[in-house]
Amino acid sequence: MKKVFLLFIIAMAVACKNEPKEKVNAPTKTVEVKKEVFPAELGKVFEAHGGIEAWRNAETLSFNKGDEVHTSDLNSRKIVVNSPKFSMGFDGKEIWSLEEVKGGLKRDPSFYYNLYFYFYAMPFVLADNGIMYEKVDDLVFEGTHYPGYKISYKANIGTSPDDNYIVYYNSKSYKMEWLAYTVTFKSKAPVDNYKMIRYNSWENVNGFVLPKQITWYAKDKEGKYAPTTKIVDFTLPLISKEKLGDSFFEKPVK
């Protein structure tokens, strides 16, 4: 129901935008074009998934994870996560949550509100501001080599600037295949223990190649990566150039 409502809002925005308007002579403005600073190989990865320029022109991203509807403003990074059991989000200033559970929250909103946005918006979020890139050794899985880049953040960028990511891609298609990542949210200190996700299914969403399913992997007794039972499916994807109003991301008044 919430997805239908979101589609209705975007449709109304498009309708209003297409209404005839009186021509107004406005002063010419100078627009500064953003210069990208990521490695050329990652540029090819972004291009294989729809292109970084097209991504920067998009405004709204939405997807479902189970019964959770995750909706994001791609420029401000305002986010709302709605489900029958809880709601949380970021209104541009504060992280909020309506989840009330006896004994405390089941999920920390500061950690969870944008967690799956980052997993879903790969690889494009790896072109955010404040990122440093480092070429790393290939990941070798079942005899196939996957080239990789480590992504780290400058100090004071985001809630967990000590988090690191490594994106591994197909050397022929340049599509992203694997993501290694660390979690420092609670420790607030750098760690070397990487978790591993395989991006094993993609779909075309309005010209963008976005994940349909991801699977966590762990090393077995022989030190080889094997799939775990943790699998996440993404459904009802939506990406649009239409912008949602600020009130959409505000904490609802009870």
C-alpha atoms as a PDB file:
ATOM      1  CA  MET A   1       0.000   0.000   0.000  1.00  0.00           C
ATOM      2  CA  LYS A   2       2.830   2.391   0.878  1.00  0.00           C
ATOM      3  CA  LYS A   3       4.524   1.602  -2.443  1.00  0.00           C
ATOM      4  CA  VAL A   4       1.308   2.501  -4.312  1.00  0.00           C
ATOM      5  CA  PHE A   5       1.130   5.754  -2.345  1.00  0.00           C
ATOM      6  CA  LEU A   6       4.745   6.549  -3.246  1.00  0.00           C
ATOM      7  CA  LEU A   7       4.048   5.907  -6.939  1.00  0.00           C
ATOM      8  CA  PHE A   8       1.004   8.191  -6.700  1.00  0.00           C
ATOM      9  CA  ILE A   9       3.093  11.016  -5.223  1.00  0.00           C
ATOM     10  CA  ILE A  10       5.699  10.708  -7.977  1.00  0.00           C
ATOM     11  CA  ALA A  11       2.987  10.570 -10.656  1.00  0.00           C
ATOM     12  CA  MET A  12       1.428  13.751  -9.283  1.00  0.00           C
ATOM     13  CA  ALA A  13       4.839  15.447  -9.300  1.00  0.00           C
ATOM     14  CA  VAL A  14       5.283  14.536 -12.965  1.00  0.00           C
ATOM     15  CA  ALA A  15       1.785  15.789 -13.834  1.00  0.00           C
ATOM     16  CA  CYS A  16       2.392  19.128 -12.130  1.00  0.00           C
ATOM     17  CA  LYS A  17       5.748  19.440 -13.827  1.00  0.00           C
ATOM     18  CA  ASN A  18       4.166  18.962 -17.262  1.00  0.00           C
ATOM     19  CA  GLU A  19       1.480  21.636 -16.839  1.00  0.00           C
ATOM     20  CA  PRO A  20       1.888  24.667 -19.183  1.00  0.00           C
ATOM     21  CA  LYS A  21       3.618  27.531 -17.433  1.00  0.00           C
ATOM     22  CA  GLU A  22       4.060  31.175 -18.279  1.00  0.00           C
ATOM     23  CA  LYS A  23       7.479  31.826 -19.759  1.00  0.00           C
ATOM     24  CA  VAL A  24       9.686  33.867 -17.469  1.00  0.00           C
ATOM     25  CA  ASN A  25      12.997  35.388 -18.496  1.00  0.00           C
ATOM     26  CA  ALA A  26      15.397  34.255 -15.795  1.00  0.00           C
ATOM     27  CA  PRO A  27      19.019  35.356 -15.407  1.00  0.00           C
ATOM     28  CA  THR A  28      21.622  32.967 -16.758  1.00  0.00           C
ATOM     29  CA  LYS A  29      23.260  30.850 -14.072  1.00  0.00           C
ATOM     30  CA  THR A  30      26.697  29.303 -14.137  1.00  0.00           C
ATOM     31  CA  VAL A  31      26.627  25.635 -13.230  1.00  0.00           C
ATOM     32  CA  GLU A  32      29.762  23.990 -11.881  1.00  0.00           C
ATOM     33  CA  VAL A  33      30.262  20.505 -13.321  1.00  0.00           C
ATOM     34  CA  LYS A  34      31.411  17.918 -10.770  1.00  0.00           C
ATOM     35  CA  LYS A  35      34.783  16.414 -11.629  1.00  0.00           C
ATOM     36  CA  GLU A  36      34.951  12.735 -10.765  1.00  0.00           C
ATOM     37  CA  VAL A  37      38.074  11.502  -8.992  1.00  0.00           C
ATOM     38  CA  PHE A  38      37.540   7.733  -8.791  1.00  0.00           C
ATOM     39  CA  PRO A  39      39.817   5.218 -10.578  1.00  0.00           C
ATOM     40  CA  ALA A  40      39.154   4.548 -14.258  1.00  0.00           C
ATOM     41  CA  GLU A  41      38.374   0.878 -13.574  1.00  0.00           C
ATOM     42  CA  LEU A  42      35.643   1.836 -11.098  1.00  0.00           C
ATOM     43  CA  GLY A  43      34.309   4.244 -13.700  1.00  0.00           C
ATOM     44  CA  LYS A  44      33.797   1.226 -15.957  1.00  0.00           C
ATOM     45  CA  VAL A  45      32.013  -0.567 -13.098  1.00  0.00           C
ATOM     46  CA  PHE A  46      29.656   2.400 -12.643  1.00  0.00           C
ATOM     47  CA  GLU A  47      29.083   2.493 -16.407  1.00  0.00           C
ATOM     48  CA  ALA A  48      28.235  -1.228 -16.454  1.00  0.00           C
ATOM     49  CA  HIS A  49      25.522  -0.518 -13.881  1.00  0.00           C
ATOM     50  CA  GLY A  50      23.937   2.452 -15.658  1.00  0.00           C
ATOM     51  CA  GLY A  51      26.462   5.276 -15.414  1.00  0.00           C
ATOM     52  CA  ILE A  52      27.431   7.639 -12.618  1.00  0.00           C
ATOM     53  CA  GLU A  53      26.119  10.710 -14.455  1.00  0.00           C
ATOM     54  CA  ALA A  54      22.648   9.175 -14.773  1.00  0.00           C
ATOM     55  CA  TRP A  55      22.803   8.165 -11.092  1.00  0.00           C
ATOM     56  CA  ARG A  56      23.605  11.722 -10.031  1.00  0.00           C
ATOM     57  CA  ASN A  57      20.567  12.949 -11.986  1.00  0.00           C
ATOM     58  CA  ALA A  58      18.198  10.597 -10.153  1.00  0.00           C
ATOM     59  CA  GLU A  59      16.332  11.883  -7.101  1.00  0.00           C
ATOM     60  CA  THR A  60      14.333   9.080  -5.485  1.00  0.00           C
ATOM     61  CA  LEU A  61      15.161   5.428  -4.827  1.00  0.00           C
ATOM     62  CA  SER A  62      12.809   2.884  -3.288  1.00  0.00           C
ATOM     63  CA  PHE A  63      12.866  -0.876  -2.777  1.00  0.00           C
ATOM     64  CA  ASN A  64      11.292  -3.529  -0.573  1.00  0.00           C
ATOM     65  CA  LYS A  65      13.161  -5.901   1.725  1.00  0.00           C
ATOM     66  CA  GLY A  66      10.524  -8.339   2.861  1.00  0.00           C
ATOM     67  CA  ASP A  67       7.710  -6.226   4.306  1.00  0.00           C
ATOM     68  CA  GLU A  68      10.019  -3.219   4.757  1.00  0.00           C
ATOM     69  CA  VAL A  69       9.759  -0.314   2.295  1.00  0.00           C
ATOM     70  CA  HIS A  70      13.013   1.669   2.059  1.00  0.00           C
ATOM     71  CA  THR A  71      12.694   5.090   0.379  1.00  0.00           C
ATOM     72  CA  SER A  72      15.622   7.490  -0.067  1.00  0.00           C
ATOM     73  CA  ASP A  73      16.342  10.952  -1.406  1.00  0.00           C
ATOM     74  CA  LEU A  74      19.553  10.268  -3.320  1.00  0.00           C
ATOM     75  CA  ASN A  75      20.956  13.778  -2.956  1.00  0.00           C
ATOM     76  CA  SER A  76      20.172  14.664   0.659  1.00  0.00           C
ATOM     77  CA  ARG A  77      20.266  10.990   1.773  1.00  0.00           C
ATOM     78  CA  LYS A  78      17.060  11.451   3.718  1.00  0.00           C
ATOM     79  CA  ILE A  79      15.549   8.014   4.282  1.00  0.00           C
ATOM     80  CA  VAL A  80      12.330   6.428   5.538  1.00  0.00           C
ATOM     81  CA  VAL A  81      11.939   2.741   6.357  1.00  0.00           C
ATOM     82  CA  ASN A  82       8.340   1.631   6.874  1.00  0.00           C
ATOM     83  CA  SER A  83       7.022  -1.793   7.834  1.00  0.00           C
ATOM     84  CA  PRO A  84       3.995  -3.146   9.714  1.00  0.00           C
ATOM     85  CA  LYS A  85       6.224  -3.544  12.789  1.00  0.00           C
ATOM     86  CA  PHE A  86       8.255  -0.329  12.849  1.00  0.00           C
ATOM     87  CA  SER A  87       9.120   2.948  11.142  1.00  0.00           C
ATOM     88  CA  MET A  88      12.373   4.885  11.230  1.00  0.00           C
ATOM     89  CA  GLY A  89      14.256   7.363   9.143  1.00  0.00           C
ATOM     90  CA  PHE A  90      16.508  10.376   8.740  1.00  0.00           C
ATOM     91  CA  ASP A  91      14.880  13.757   8.057  1.00  0.00           C
ATOM     92  CA  GLY A  92      18.098  15.527   7.092  1.00  0.00           C
ATOM     93  CA  LYS A  93      18.882  16.579  10.659  1.00  0.00           C
ATOM     94  CA  GLU A  94      17.900  13.808  13.034  1.00  0.00           C
ATOM     95  CA  ILE A  95      17.525  10.028  12.967  1.00  0.00           C
ATOM     96  CA  TRP A  96      14.122   9.014  14.316  1.00  0.00           C
ATOM     97  CA  SER A  97      12.289   5.797  15.175  1.00  0.00           C
ATOM     98  CA  LEU A  98       8.733   4.834  16.105  1.00  0.00           C
ATOM     99  CA  GLU A  99       9.637   1.315  17.126  1.00  0.00           C
ATOM    100  CA  GLU A 100       8.540   0.702  20.681  1.00  0.00           C
ATOM    101  CA  VAL A 101       9.483  -2.638  22.191  1.00  0.00           C
ATOM    102  CA  LYS A 102       9.413  -3.614  25.842  1.00  0.00           C
ATOM    103  CA  GLY A 103      12.994  -3.794  27.042  1.00  0.00           C
ATOM    104  CA  GLY A 104      14.340  -1.549  24.279  1.00  0.00           C
ATOM    105  CA  LEU A 105      14.562  -1.273  20.515  1.00  0.00           C
ATOM    106  CA  LYS A 106      15.149  -4.441  18.504  1.00  0.00           C
ATOM    107  CA  ARG A 107      17.281  -2.521  16.002  1.00  0.00           C
ATOM    108  CA  ASP A 108      19.384   0.581  16.531  1.00  0.00           C
ATOM    109  CA  PRO A 109      17.975   3.224  14.148  1.00  0.00           C
ATOM    110  CA  SER A 110      21.369   4.950  13.877  1.00  0.00           C
ATOM    111  CA  PHE A 111      22.796   1.734  12.445  1.00  0.00           C
ATOM    112  CA  TYR A 112      19.814   0.278  10.589  1.00  0.00           C
ATOM    113  CA  TYR A 113      18.121   3.237   8.879  1.00  0.00           C
ATOM    114  CA  ASN A 114      20.566   3.319   5.921  1.00  0.00           C
ATOM    115  CA  LEU A 115      22.165  -0.134   6.197  1.00  0.00           C
ATOM    116  CA  TYR A 116      20.311  -1.738   3.312  1.00  0.00           C
ATOM    117  CA  PHE A 117      20.339   1.451   1.285  1.00  0.00           C
ATOM    118  CA  TYR A 118      24.134   1.068   1.108  1.00  0.00           C
ATOM    119  CA  PHE A 119      23.918  -2.608   0.157  1.00  0.00           C
ATOM    120  CA  TYR A 120      21.246  -1.899  -2.456  1.00  0.00           C
ATOM    121  CA  ALA A 121      22.789   1.258  -3.949  1.00  0.00           C
ATOM    122  CA  MET A 122      26.085  -0.512  -4.686  1.00  0.00           C
ATOM    123  CA  PRO A 123      28.250   0.226  -6.552  1.00  0.00           C
ATOM    124  CA  PHE A 124      27.149   3.874  -6.919  1.00  0.00           C
ATOM    125  CA  VAL A 125      27.569   4.814  -3.239  1.00  0.00           C
ATOM    126  CA  LEU A 126      31.275   4.086  -3.698  1.00  0.00           C
ATOM    127  CA  ALA A 127      31.515   7.390  -5.597  1.00  0.00           C
ATOM    128  CA  ASP A 128      30.410   9.515  -2.618  1.00  0.00           C
ATOM    129  CA  ASN A 129      32.416  12.481  -1.396  1.00  0.00           C
ATOM    130  CA  GLY A 130      35.238  11.908   1.096  1.00  0.00           C
ATOM    131  CA  ILE A 131      36.240   8.499  -0.277  1.00  0.00           C
ATOM    132  CA  MET A 132      39.792   7.211  -0.755  1.00  0.00           C
ATOM    133  CA  TYR A 133      40.581   4.385  -3.196  1.00  0.00           C
ATOM    134  CA  GLU A 134      43.271   1.719  -3.082  1.00  0.00           C
ATOM    135  CA  LYS A 135      43.876  -1.153  -5.523  1.00  0.00           C
ATOM    136  CA  VAL A 136      43.968  -4.525  -3.747  1.00  0.00           C
ATOM    137  CA  ASP A 137      44.819  -8.097  -4.671  1.00  0.00           C
ATOM    138  CA  ASP A 138      42.270 -10.019  -6.697  1.00  0.00           C
ATOM    139  CA  LEU A 139      39.685 -12.162  -4.966  1.00  0.00           C
ATOM    140  CA  VAL A 140      40.024 -15.703  -6.277  1.00  0.00           C
ATOM    141  CA  PHE A 141      36.845 -17.778  -6.067  1.00  0.00           C
ATOM    142  CA  GLU A 142      36.524 -21.189  -7.718  1.00  0.00           C
ATOM    143  CA  GLY A 143      39.430 -20.390 -10.027  1.00  0.00           C
ATOM    144  CA  THR A 144      38.084 -17.020 -11.204  1.00  0.00           C
ATOM    145  CA  HIS A 145      39.961 -13.788 -10.438  1.00  0.00           C
ATOM    146  CA  TYR A 146      37.944 -10.733  -9.443  1.00  0.00           C
ATOM    147  CA  PRO A 147      39.898  -7.423  -9.425  1.00  0.00           C
ATOM    148  CA  GLY A 148      39.164  -5.193  -6.444  1.00  0.00           C
ATOM    149  CA  TYR A 149      39.380  -1.717  -4.950  1.00  0.00           C
ATOM    150  CA  LYS A 150      39.363  -0.849  -1.273  1.00  0.00           C
ATOM    151  CA  ILE A 151      37.209   2.103  -0.281  1.00  0.00           C
ATOM    152  CA  SER A 152      37.926   3.981   2.923  1.00  0.00           C
ATOM    153  CA  TYR A 153      36.661   7.299   4.236  1.00  0.00           C
ATOM    154  CA  LYS A 154      38.264  10.517   5.370  1.00  0.00           C
ATOM    155  CA  ALA A 155      37.851  11.420   9.038  1.00  0.00           C
ATOM    156  CA  ASN A 156      34.424  12.624  10.178  1.00  0.00           C
ATOM    157  CA  ILE A 157      32.633  11.305   7.083  1.00  0.00           C
ATOM    158  CA  GLY A 158      29.386   9.583   8.095  1.00  0.00           C
ATOM    159  CA  THR A 159      28.568   7.807  11.345  1.00  0.00           C
ATOM    160  CA  SER A 160      31.270   5.131  10.879  1.00  0.00           C
ATOM    161  CA  PRO A 161      34.237   6.704   9.042  1.00  0.00           C
ATOM    162  CA  ASP A 162      36.459   3.745   9.972  1.00  0.00           C
ATOM    163  CA  ASP A 163      34.327   1.347   7.932  1.00  0.00           C
ATOM    164  CA  ASN A 164      36.067  -0.095   4.893  1.00  0.00           C
ATOM    165  CA  TYR A 165      34.629  -1.663   1.759  1.00  0.00           C
ATOM    166  CA  ILE A 166      36.231  -3.695  -1.005  1.00  0.00           C
ATOM    167  CA  VAL A 167      34.354  -4.002  -4.277  1.00  0.00           C
ATOM    168  CA  TYR A 168      35.311  -6.896  -6.547  1.00  0.00           C
ATOM    169  CA  TYR A 169      34.136  -6.904 -10.155  1.00  0.00           C
ATOM    170  CA  ASN A 170      34.034  -9.133 -13.208  1.00  0.00           C
ATOM    171  CA  SER A 171      37.140  -8.409 -15.267  1.00  0.00           C
ATOM    172  CA  LYS A 172      35.214  -8.813 -18.554  1.00  0.00           C
ATOM    173  CA  SER A 173      31.758  -7.328 -17.941  1.00  0.00           C
ATOM    174  CA  TYR A 174      32.882  -4.926 -15.161  1.00  0.00           C
ATOM    175  CA  LYS A 175      29.732  -5.776 -13.224  1.00  0.00           C
ATOM    176  CA  MET A 176      30.153  -5.871  -9.463  1.00  0.00           C
ATOM    177  CA  GLU A 177      30.302  -9.443  -8.118  1.00  0.00           C
ATOM    178  CA  TRP A 178      31.402  -9.242  -4.475  1.00  0.00           C
ATOM    179  CA  LEU A 179      31.476  -6.816  -1.562  1.00  0.00           C
ATOM    180  CA  ALA A 180      33.776  -7.180   1.448  1.00  0.00           C
ATOM    181  CA  TYR A 181      33.024  -4.826   4.346  1.00  0.00           C
ATOM    182  CA  THR A 182      33.864  -4.135   7.960  1.00  0.00           C
ATOM    183  CA  VAL A 183      31.506  -3.026  10.728  1.00  0.00           C
ATOM    184  CA  THR A 184      32.826  -0.488  13.236  1.00  0.00           C
ATOM    185  CA  PHE A 185      29.552   1.070  14.387  1.00  0.00           C
ATOM    186  CA  LYS A 186      29.770  -0.234  17.960  1.00  0.00           C
ATOM    187  CA  SER A 187      33.541  -0.459  18.399  1.00  0.00           C
ATOM    188  CA  LYS A 188      34.267   2.928  16.758  1.00  0.00           C
ATOM    189  CA  ALA A 189      37.705   1.527  15.906  1.00  0.00           C
ATOM    190  CA  PRO A 190      39.234   0.065  12.716  1.00  0.00           C
ATOM    191  CA  VAL A 191      38.945  -3.711  12.305  1.00  0.00           C
ATOM    192  CA  ASP A 192      40.441  -6.201   9.852  1.00  0.00           C
ATOM    193  CA  ASN A 193      37.632  -8.754   9.976  1.00  0.00           C
ATOM    194  CA  TYR A 194      35.767  -8.474   6.675  1.00  0.00           C
ATOM    195  CA  LYS A 195      32.289  -9.824   6.042  1.00  0.00           C
ATOM    196  CA  MET A 196      31.588 -10.989   2.496  1.00  0.00           C
ATOM    197  CA  ILE A 197      28.518 -10.578   0.273  1.00  0.00           C
ATOM    198  CA  ARG A 198      28.041 -12.034  -3.180  1.00  0.00           C
ATOM    199  CA  TYR A 199      25.885 -10.050  -5.584  1.00  0.00           C
ATOM    200  CA  ASN A 200      24.529 -13.051  -7.434  1.00  0.00           C
ATOM    201  CA  SER A 201      21.452 -11.577  -9.134  1.00  0.00           C
ATOM    202  CA  TRP A 202      20.801  -8.218 -10.820  1.00  0.00           C
ATOM    203  CA  GLU A 203      17.879  -6.565 -12.618  1.00  0.00           C
ATOM    204  CA  ASN A 204      17.410  -3.557 -14.878  1.00  0.00           C
ATOM    205  CA  VAL A 205      15.510  -0.771 -13.135  1.00  0.00           C
ATOM    206  CA  ASN A 206      14.858   2.185 -15.426  1.00  0.00           C
ATOM    207  CA  GLY A 207      18.281   1.799 -17.030  1.00  0.00           C
ATOM    208  CA  PHE A 208      20.174   0.995 -13.829  1.00  0.00           C
ATOM    209  CA  VAL A 209      21.485  -2.486 -13.007  1.00  0.00           C
ATOM    210  CA  LEU A 210      20.534  -2.926  -9.345  1.00  0.00           C
ATOM    211  CA  PRO A 211      20.705  -5.979  -7.063  1.00  0.00           C
ATOM    212  CA  LYS A 212      17.824  -8.427  -6.915  1.00  0.00           C
ATOM    213  CA  GLN A 213      19.412 -10.795  -4.389  1.00  0.00           C
ATOM    214  CA  ILE A 214      22.523 -10.839  -2.206  1.00  0.00           C
ATOM    215  CA  THR A 215      24.023 -13.741  -0.239  1.00  0.00           C
ATOM    216  CA  TRP A 216      26.447 -13.623   2.662  1.00  0.00           C
ATOM    217  CA  TYR A 217      29.484 -15.921   2.464  1.00  0.00           C
ATOM    218  CA  ALA A 218      31.818 -17.181   5.198  1.00  0.00           C
ATOM    219  CA  LYS A 219      35.031 -19.183   5.202  1.00  0.00           C
ATOM    220  CA  ASP A 220      34.676 -22.879   5.874  1.00  0.00           C
ATOM    221  CA  LYS A 221      37.140 -25.128   7.749  1.00  0.00           C
ATOM    222  CA  GLU A 222      39.379 -25.246   4.689  1.00  0.00           C
ATOM    223  CA  GLY A 223      39.498 -21.453   4.458  1.00  0.00           C
ATOM    224  CA  LYS A 224      37.315 -21.324   1.359  1.00  0.00           C
ATOM    225  CA  TYR A 225      34.294 -19.059   1.003  1.00  0.00           C
ATOM    226  CA  ALA A 226      30.937 -20.857   1.113  1.00  0.00           C
ATOM    227  CA  PRO A 227      27.375 -19.443   1.097  1.00  0.00           C
ATOM    228  CA  THR A 228      25.568 -18.993   4.406  1.00  0.00           C
ATOM    229  CA  THR A 229      21.839 -19.129   5.043  1.00  0.00           C
ATOM    230  CA  LYS A 230      21.639 -15.314   5.138  1.00  0.00           C
ATOM    231  CA  ILE A 231      20.048 -14.297   1.839  1.00  0.00           C
ATOM    232  CA  VAL A 232      18.211 -11.037   1.144  1.00  0.00           C
ATOM    233  CA  ASP A 233      15.821 -10.520  -1.769  1.00  0.00           C
ATOM    234  CA  PHE A 234      14.972  -7.018  -2.996  1.00  0.00           C
ATOM    235  CA  THR A 235      11.596  -6.442  -4.653  1.00  0.00           C
ATOM    236  CA  LEU A 236       9.438  -3.633  -6.084  1.00  0.00           C
ATOM    237  CA  PRO A 237      12.388  -1.427  -7.127  1.00  0.00           C
ATOM    238  CA  LEU A 238      11.782   2.180  -8.141  1.00  0.00           C
ATOM    239  CA  ILE A 239      14.183   4.916  -9.212  1.00  0.00           C
ATOM    240  CA  SER A 240      12.982   8.288 -10.414  1.00  0.00           C
ATOM    241  CA  LYS A 241      14.095  11.809 -11.334  1.00  0.00           C
ATOM    242  CA  GLU A 242      11.146  13.172  -9.371  1.00  0.00           C
ATOM    243  CA  LYS A 243      11.831  14.524  -5.883  1.00  0.00           C
ATOM    244  CA  LEU A 244       9.688  13.824  -2.835  1.00  0.00           C
ATOM    245  CA  GLY A 245       8.759  16.606  -0.433  1.00  0.00           C
ATOM    246  CA  ASP A 246      10.664  17.074   2.816  1.00  0.00           C
ATOM    247  CA  SER A 247       7.563  16.135   4.829  1.00  0.00           C
ATOM    248  CA  PHE A 248       7.723  12.586   3.430  1.00  0.00           C
ATOM    249  CA  PHE A 249      10.855  11.941   5.501  1.00  0.00           C
ATOM    250  CA  GLU A 250       9.709  13.574   8.721  1.00  0.00           C
ATOM    251  CA  LYS A 251       8.798  11.614  11.828  1.00  0.00           C
ATOM    252  CA  PRO A 252       5.005  11.036  11.848  1.00  0.00           C
ATOM    253  CA  VAL A 253       3.076  12.743  14.615  1.00  0.00           C
ATOM    254  CA  LYS A 254       1.206  10.252  16.774  1.00  0.00           C
END
